[in-house]
């Protein structure tokens, strides 16, 4: 008999699968509880409200992204390669079956009220993403890394919407080409092919 993961992890895994398959708002706490095979008392012991669960879900997604980028940086990959891998990861996400758009953009749309803890989780992701991209651009010698980071993130956001609404197979190539053009206008040295 295989041991089950701890209850909190099981609840979060169920929520992740359900949120990714439909939407955050459409999945009730009761549905997560049933899917995770737990009780309401246990659920609410780990997550005092559904918003707490959503924040944990978003923070987990952010943590996975942070780990991936940190691993690449620790491996000594150059800034251009890391940026390319980020773009490729977005393209791969857009091509996966059932892709419904960016987790964080969707969460922001589903929780529009300022001050909501879910919006704070989205803001943490956006802040981290901007910081990572700007740092990589500094490494590349961009004249205005914060401005270019804003531009690249706008391109990425548009690519995620395009991947959901149009041809997901076109996302990676288009995002890389647009990113290269944007970066090339700001970087003093040429980018590798």
C-alpha atoms as a PDB file:
ATOM      1  CA  UNK A   1       0.000   0.000   0.000  1.00  0.00           C
ATOM      2  CA  UNK A   2       1.362   3.400  -0.988  1.00  0.00           C
ATOM      3  CA  UNK A   3       1.464   6.051   1.731  1.00  0.00           C
ATOM      4  CA  UNK A   4      -0.615   9.139   1.010  1.00  0.00           C
ATOM      5  CA  UNK A   5       1.026  12.556   1.096  1.00  0.00           C
ATOM      6  CA  UNK A   6       0.312  14.749   4.114  1.00  0.00           C
ATOM      7  CA  UNK A   7      -3.211  16.184   4.169  1.00  0.00           C
ATOM      8  CA  UNK A   8      -2.203  19.789   3.417  1.00  0.00           C
ATOM      9  CA  UNK A   9      -0.253  18.650   0.344  1.00  0.00           C
ATOM     10  CA  UNK A  10      -3.148  16.456  -0.769  1.00  0.00           C
ATOM     11  CA  UNK A  11      -5.592  19.358  -0.470  1.00  0.00           C
ATOM     12  CA  UNK A  12      -3.242  21.650  -2.383  1.00  0.00           C
ATOM     13  CA  UNK A  13      -2.678  19.021  -5.095  1.00  0.00           C
ATOM     14  CA  UNK A  14      -6.428  18.567  -5.518  1.00  0.00           C
ATOM     15  CA  UNK A  15      -6.968  22.324  -5.664  1.00  0.00           C
ATOM     16  CA  UNK A  16      -4.189  22.715  -8.231  1.00  0.00           C
ATOM     17  CA  UNK A  17      -5.667  20.060 -10.526  1.00  0.00           C
ATOM     18  CA  UNK A  18      -9.191  21.457 -10.193  1.00  0.00           C
ATOM     19  CA  UNK A  19      -8.186  25.134 -10.571  1.00  0.00           C
ATOM     20  CA  UNK A  20      -6.021  24.348 -13.599  1.00  0.00           C
ATOM     21  CA  UNK A  21      -8.811  22.338 -15.244  1.00  0.00           C
ATOM     22  CA  UNK A  22     -11.555  24.949 -14.863  1.00  0.00           C
ATOM     23  CA  UNK A  23     -11.091  28.148 -12.897  1.00  0.00           C
ATOM     24  CA  UNK A  24     -10.460  29.192  -9.333  1.00  0.00           C
ATOM     25  CA  UNK A  25     -13.867  30.721  -8.689  1.00  0.00           C
ATOM     26  CA  UNK A  26     -15.778  27.794 -10.203  1.00  0.00           C
ATOM     27  CA  UNK A  27     -14.241  25.295  -7.769  1.00  0.00           C
ATOM     28  CA  UNK A  28     -15.854  25.291  -4.341  1.00  0.00           C
ATOM     29  CA  UNK A  29     -14.073  24.386  -1.134  1.00  0.00           C
ATOM     30  CA  UNK A  30     -16.487  21.450  -0.867  1.00  0.00           C
ATOM     31  CA  UNK A  31     -15.314  20.139  -4.238  1.00  0.00           C
ATOM     32  CA  UNK A  32     -11.670  20.369  -3.171  1.00  0.00           C
ATOM     33  CA  UNK A  33     -12.514  18.643   0.118  1.00  0.00           C
ATOM     34  CA  UNK A  34     -14.240  15.784  -1.709  1.00  0.00           C
ATOM     35  CA  UNK A  35     -11.463  15.438  -4.275  1.00  0.00           C
ATOM     36  CA  UNK A  36      -8.785  15.425  -1.574  1.00  0.00           C
ATOM     37  CA  UNK A  37     -10.712  12.864   0.469  1.00  0.00           C
ATOM     38  CA  UNK A  38     -10.689  14.908   3.639  1.00  0.00           C
ATOM     39  CA  UNK A  39     -13.197  16.603   5.942  1.00  0.00           C
ATOM     40  CA  UNK A  40     -14.284  20.213   6.275  1.00  0.00           C
ATOM     41  CA  UNK A  41     -12.738  20.407   9.728  1.00  0.00           C
ATOM     42  CA  UNK A  42      -9.387  19.209   8.389  1.00  0.00           C
ATOM     43  CA  UNK A  43      -9.585  21.494   5.356  1.00  0.00           C
ATOM     44  CA  UNK A  44     -10.306  24.578   7.456  1.00  0.00           C
ATOM     45  CA  UNK A  45      -7.571  23.639   9.941  1.00  0.00           C
ATOM     46  CA  UNK A  46      -5.057  23.948   7.098  1.00  0.00           C
ATOM     47  CA  UNK A  47      -6.784  26.726   5.138  1.00  0.00           C
ATOM     48  CA  UNK A  48      -9.026  29.061   7.179  1.00  0.00           C
ATOM     49  CA  UNK A  49     -10.799  30.117   3.967  1.00  0.00           C
ATOM     50  CA  UNK A  50     -10.815  29.321   0.276  1.00  0.00           C
ATOM     51  CA  UNK A  51      -8.832  32.533  -0.295  1.00  0.00           C
ATOM     52  CA  UNK A  52      -6.082  31.090   1.911  1.00  0.00           C
ATOM     53  CA  UNK A  53      -6.063  27.995  -0.295  1.00  0.00           C
ATOM     54  CA  UNK A  54      -5.863  30.115  -3.445  1.00  0.00           C
ATOM     55  CA  UNK A  55      -2.957  32.094  -2.000  1.00  0.00           C
ATOM     56  CA  UNK A  56      -1.157  28.840  -1.125  1.00  0.00           C
ATOM     57  CA  UNK A  57      -1.780  27.588  -4.681  1.00  0.00           C
ATOM     58  CA  UNK A  58      -0.371  30.773  -6.235  1.00  0.00           C
ATOM     59  CA  UNK A  59       2.586  30.874  -3.855  1.00  0.00           C
ATOM     60  CA  UNK A  60       3.350  27.248  -4.716  1.00  0.00           C
ATOM     61  CA  UNK A  61       3.311  28.087  -8.440  1.00  0.00           C
ATOM     62  CA  UNK A  62       5.616  31.059  -7.788  1.00  0.00           C
ATOM     63  CA  UNK A  63       7.951  28.863  -5.743  1.00  0.00           C
ATOM     64  CA  UNK A  64       8.283  26.393  -8.611  1.00  0.00           C
ATOM     65  CA  UNK A  65       9.199  29.210 -11.004  1.00  0.00           C
ATOM     66  CA  UNK A  66      11.678  30.689  -8.536  1.00  0.00           C
ATOM     67  CA  UNK A  67      13.342  27.301  -8.087  1.00  0.00           C
ATOM     68  CA  UNK A  68      13.637  26.784 -11.845  1.00  0.00           C
ATOM     69  CA  UNK A  69      15.275  30.173 -12.429  1.00  0.00           C
ATOM     70  CA  UNK A  70      17.540  29.839  -9.381  1.00  0.00           C
ATOM     71  CA  UNK A  71      18.666  26.405 -10.602  1.00  0.00           C
ATOM     72  CA  UNK A  72      19.599  27.830 -14.001  1.00  0.00           C
ATOM     73  CA  UNK A  73      21.438  30.770 -12.464  1.00  0.00           C
ATOM     74  CA  UNK A  74      23.284  28.447 -10.049  1.00  0.00           C
ATOM     75  CA  UNK A  75      24.302  26.276 -13.000  1.00  0.00           C
ATOM     76  CA  UNK A  76      26.063  29.321 -14.423  1.00  0.00           C
ATOM     77  CA  UNK A  77      23.825  29.787 -17.453  1.00  0.00           C
ATOM     78  CA  UNK A  78      24.211  33.199 -19.026  1.00  0.00           C
ATOM     79  CA  UNK A  79      21.420  35.774 -18.872  1.00  0.00           C
ATOM     80  CA  UNK A  80      20.434  35.331 -22.520  1.00  0.00           C
ATOM     81  CA  UNK A  81      20.021  31.571 -22.103  1.00  0.00           C
ATOM     82  CA  UNK A  82      17.925  32.008 -18.956  1.00  0.00           C
ATOM     83  CA  UNK A  83      15.660  34.529 -20.725  1.00  0.00           C
ATOM     84  CA  UNK A  84      15.289  32.127 -23.649  1.00  0.00           C
ATOM     85  CA  UNK A  85      14.399  29.297 -21.275  1.00  0.00           C
ATOM     86  CA  UNK A  86      11.767  31.492 -19.602  1.00  0.00           C
ATOM     87  CA  UNK A  87      10.237  32.259 -23.005  1.00  0.00           C
ATOM     88  CA  UNK A  88      10.367  28.591 -23.993  1.00  0.00           C
ATOM     89  CA  UNK A  89       8.738  27.576 -20.696  1.00  0.00           C
ATOM     90  CA  UNK A  90       5.886  29.977 -21.414  1.00  0.00           C
ATOM     91  CA  UNK A  91       5.525  28.521 -24.889  1.00  0.00           C
ATOM     92  CA  UNK A  92       5.515  24.977 -23.497  1.00  0.00           C
ATOM     93  CA  UNK A  93       2.857  25.943 -20.956  1.00  0.00           C
ATOM     94  CA  UNK A  94       0.692  27.398 -23.715  1.00  0.00           C
ATOM     95  CA  UNK A  95       0.976  24.162 -25.709  1.00  0.00           C
ATOM     96  CA  UNK A  96      -0.030  21.795 -22.909  1.00  0.00           C
ATOM     97  CA  UNK A  97      -3.465  20.196 -23.216  1.00  0.00           C
ATOM     98  CA  UNK A  98      -6.162  22.129 -21.398  1.00  0.00           C
ATOM     99  CA  UNK A  99      -4.143  25.360 -21.177  1.00  0.00           C
ATOM    100  CA  UNK A 100      -6.465  28.172 -20.081  1.00  0.00           C
ATOM    101  CA  UNK A 101      -4.024  31.057 -19.879  1.00  0.00           C
ATOM    102  CA  UNK A 102      -1.606  32.302 -17.259  1.00  0.00           C
ATOM    103  CA  UNK A 103      -2.461  31.154 -13.741  1.00  0.00           C
ATOM    104  CA  UNK A 104      -1.640  34.569 -12.306  1.00  0.00           C
ATOM    105  CA  UNK A 105      -3.470  36.633 -14.936  1.00  0.00           C
ATOM    106  CA  UNK A 106      -6.512  34.400 -14.482  1.00  0.00           C
ATOM    107  CA  UNK A 107      -6.343  34.790 -10.696  1.00  0.00           C
ATOM    108  CA  UNK A 108      -6.121  38.587 -11.033  1.00  0.00           C
ATOM    109  CA  UNK A 109      -9.170  38.570 -13.307  1.00  0.00           C
ATOM    110  CA  UNK A 110     -11.128  36.326 -10.939  1.00  0.00           C
ATOM    111  CA  UNK A 111     -10.184  38.405  -7.873  1.00  0.00           C
ATOM    112  CA  UNK A 112     -10.305  42.027  -9.063  1.00  0.00           C
ATOM    113  CA  UNK A 113     -10.753  43.704  -5.656  1.00  0.00           C
ATOM    114  CA  UNK A 114      -7.728  45.615  -4.442  1.00  0.00           C
ATOM    115  CA  UNK A 115      -6.646  44.492  -1.004  1.00  0.00           C
ATOM    116  CA  UNK A 116      -7.697  40.876  -1.524  1.00  0.00           C
ATOM    117  CA  UNK A 117      -4.955  38.444  -0.381  1.00  0.00           C
ATOM    118  CA  UNK A 118      -5.163  36.703  -3.769  1.00  0.00           C
ATOM    119  CA  UNK A 119      -4.263  39.980  -5.482  1.00  0.00           C
ATOM    120  CA  UNK A 120      -1.316  40.297  -3.087  1.00  0.00           C
ATOM    121  CA  UNK A 121      -0.119  36.834  -4.173  1.00  0.00           C
ATOM    122  CA  UNK A 122      -0.410  37.869  -7.824  1.00  0.00           C
ATOM    123  CA  UNK A 123       1.527  41.061  -7.019  1.00  0.00           C
ATOM    124  CA  UNK A 124       4.329  38.983  -5.423  1.00  0.00           C
ATOM    125  CA  UNK A 125       4.615  36.984  -8.631  1.00  0.00           C
ATOM    126  CA  UNK A 126       4.598  40.091 -10.837  1.00  0.00           C
ATOM    127  CA  UNK A 127       7.209  41.781  -8.675  1.00  0.00           C
ATOM    128  CA  UNK A 128       9.443  38.705  -8.701  1.00  0.00           C
ATOM    129  CA  UNK A 129       9.094  38.267 -12.480  1.00  0.00           C
ATOM    130  CA  UNK A 130       9.917  41.914 -13.142  1.00  0.00           C
ATOM    131  CA  UNK A 131      12.921  41.750 -10.819  1.00  0.00           C
ATOM    132  CA  UNK A 132      14.315  38.586 -12.412  1.00  0.00           C
ATOM    133  CA  UNK A 133      13.865  39.854 -15.957  1.00  0.00           C
ATOM    134  CA  UNK A 134      15.361  43.277 -15.115  1.00  0.00           C
ATOM    135  CA  UNK A 135      18.375  41.615 -13.427  1.00  0.00           C
ATOM    136  CA  UNK A 136      18.958  39.393 -16.457  1.00  0.00           C
ATOM    137  CA  UNK A 137      18.703  42.427 -18.721  1.00  0.00           C
ATOM    138  CA  UNK A 138      21.262  44.269 -16.566  1.00  0.00           C
ATOM    139  CA  UNK A 139      23.568  41.293 -17.049  1.00  0.00           C
ATOM    140  CA  UNK A 140      23.075  41.665 -20.803  1.00  0.00           C
ATOM    141  CA  UNK A 141      23.927  45.379 -20.640  1.00  0.00           C
ATOM    142  CA  UNK A 142      20.481  46.811 -21.370  1.00  0.00           C
ATOM    143  CA  UNK A 143      20.408  50.606 -21.092  1.00  0.00           C
ATOM    144  CA  UNK A 144      17.003  50.656 -19.373  1.00  0.00           C
ATOM    145  CA  UNK A 145      16.483  47.222 -17.832  1.00  0.00           C
ATOM    146  CA  UNK A 146      13.316  48.139 -15.897  1.00  0.00           C
ATOM    147  CA  UNK A 147      11.640  49.592 -18.989  1.00  0.00           C
ATOM    148  CA  UNK A 148      12.642  46.617 -21.148  1.00  0.00           C
ATOM    149  CA  UNK A 149      11.489  44.217 -18.418  1.00  0.00           C
ATOM    150  CA  UNK A 150       8.062  45.904 -18.541  1.00  0.00           C
ATOM    151  CA  UNK A 151       8.001  45.477 -22.321  1.00  0.00           C
ATOM    152  CA  UNK A 152       9.035  41.812 -22.186  1.00  0.00           C
ATOM    153  CA  UNK A 153       6.445  41.050 -19.524  1.00  0.00           C
ATOM    154  CA  UNK A 154       3.760  42.696 -21.667  1.00  0.00           C
ATOM    155  CA  UNK A 155       4.872  40.491 -24.567  1.00  0.00           C
ATOM    156  CA  UNK A 156       4.735  37.440 -22.294  1.00  0.00           C
ATOM    157  CA  UNK A 157       1.261  38.347 -21.050  1.00  0.00           C
ATOM    158  CA  UNK A 158       0.027  38.733 -24.611  1.00  0.00           C
ATOM    159  CA  UNK A 159       1.640  35.432 -25.576  1.00  0.00           C
ATOM    160  CA  UNK A 160      -0.210  33.663 -22.763  1.00  0.00           C
ATOM    161  CA  UNK A 161      -3.545  35.072 -23.946  1.00  0.00           C
ATOM    162  CA  UNK A 162      -2.695  34.161 -27.544  1.00  0.00           C
ATOM    163  CA  UNK A 163      -1.800  30.618 -26.473  1.00  0.00           C
ATOM    164  CA  UNK A 164      -5.244  30.235 -24.946  1.00  0.00           C
ATOM    165  CA  UNK A 165      -7.285  31.932 -27.669  1.00  0.00           C
ATOM    166  CA  UNK A 166      -5.367  31.180 -30.857  1.00  0.00           C
ATOM    167  CA  UNK A 167      -2.522  28.920 -31.948  1.00  0.00           C
ATOM    168  CA  UNK A 168      -0.491  27.755 -28.943  1.00  0.00           C
ATOM    169  CA  UNK A 169       2.178  26.282 -31.212  1.00  0.00           C
ATOM    170  CA  UNK A 170       3.077  29.792 -32.392  1.00  0.00           C
ATOM    171  CA  UNK A 171       3.757  31.161 -28.908  1.00  0.00           C
ATOM    172  CA  UNK A 172       7.382  30.183 -28.369  1.00  0.00           C
ATOM    173  CA  UNK A 173       8.713  31.342 -31.731  1.00  0.00           C
ATOM    174  CA  UNK A 174       6.774  34.596 -31.694  1.00  0.00           C
ATOM    175  CA  UNK A 175       7.680  35.376 -28.081  1.00  0.00           C
ATOM    176  CA  UNK A 176      11.382  34.685 -28.646  1.00  0.00           C
ATOM    177  CA  UNK A 177      11.464  36.765 -31.844  1.00  0.00           C
ATOM    178  CA  UNK A 178       9.632  39.702 -30.268  1.00  0.00           C
ATOM    179  CA  UNK A 179      11.798  39.467 -27.158  1.00  0.00           C
ATOM    180  CA  UNK A 180      14.993  39.453 -29.206  1.00  0.00           C
ATOM    181  CA  UNK A 181      13.847  42.543 -31.108  1.00  0.00           C
ATOM    182  CA  UNK A 182      12.923  44.340 -27.908  1.00  0.00           C
ATOM    183  CA  UNK A 183      16.156  43.425 -26.143  1.00  0.00           C
ATOM    184  CA  UNK A 184      18.255  44.085 -29.244  1.00  0.00           C
ATOM    185  CA  UNK A 185      17.050  47.677 -29.340  1.00  0.00           C
ATOM    186  CA  UNK A 186      18.447  48.198 -25.820  1.00  0.00           C
ATOM    187  CA  UNK A 187      21.514  45.982 -25.528  1.00  0.00           C
ATOM    188  CA  UNK A 188      24.898  47.217 -26.689  1.00  0.00           C
ATOM    189  CA  UNK A 189      26.307  43.790 -27.602  1.00  0.00           C
ATOM    190  CA  UNK A 190      24.761  41.349 -30.032  1.00  0.00           C
ATOM    191  CA  UNK A 191      22.680  38.464 -28.718  1.00  0.00           C
ATOM    192  CA  UNK A 192      23.660  34.902 -29.603  1.00  0.00           C
ATOM    193  CA  UNK A 193      21.439  33.213 -32.189  1.00  0.00           C
END
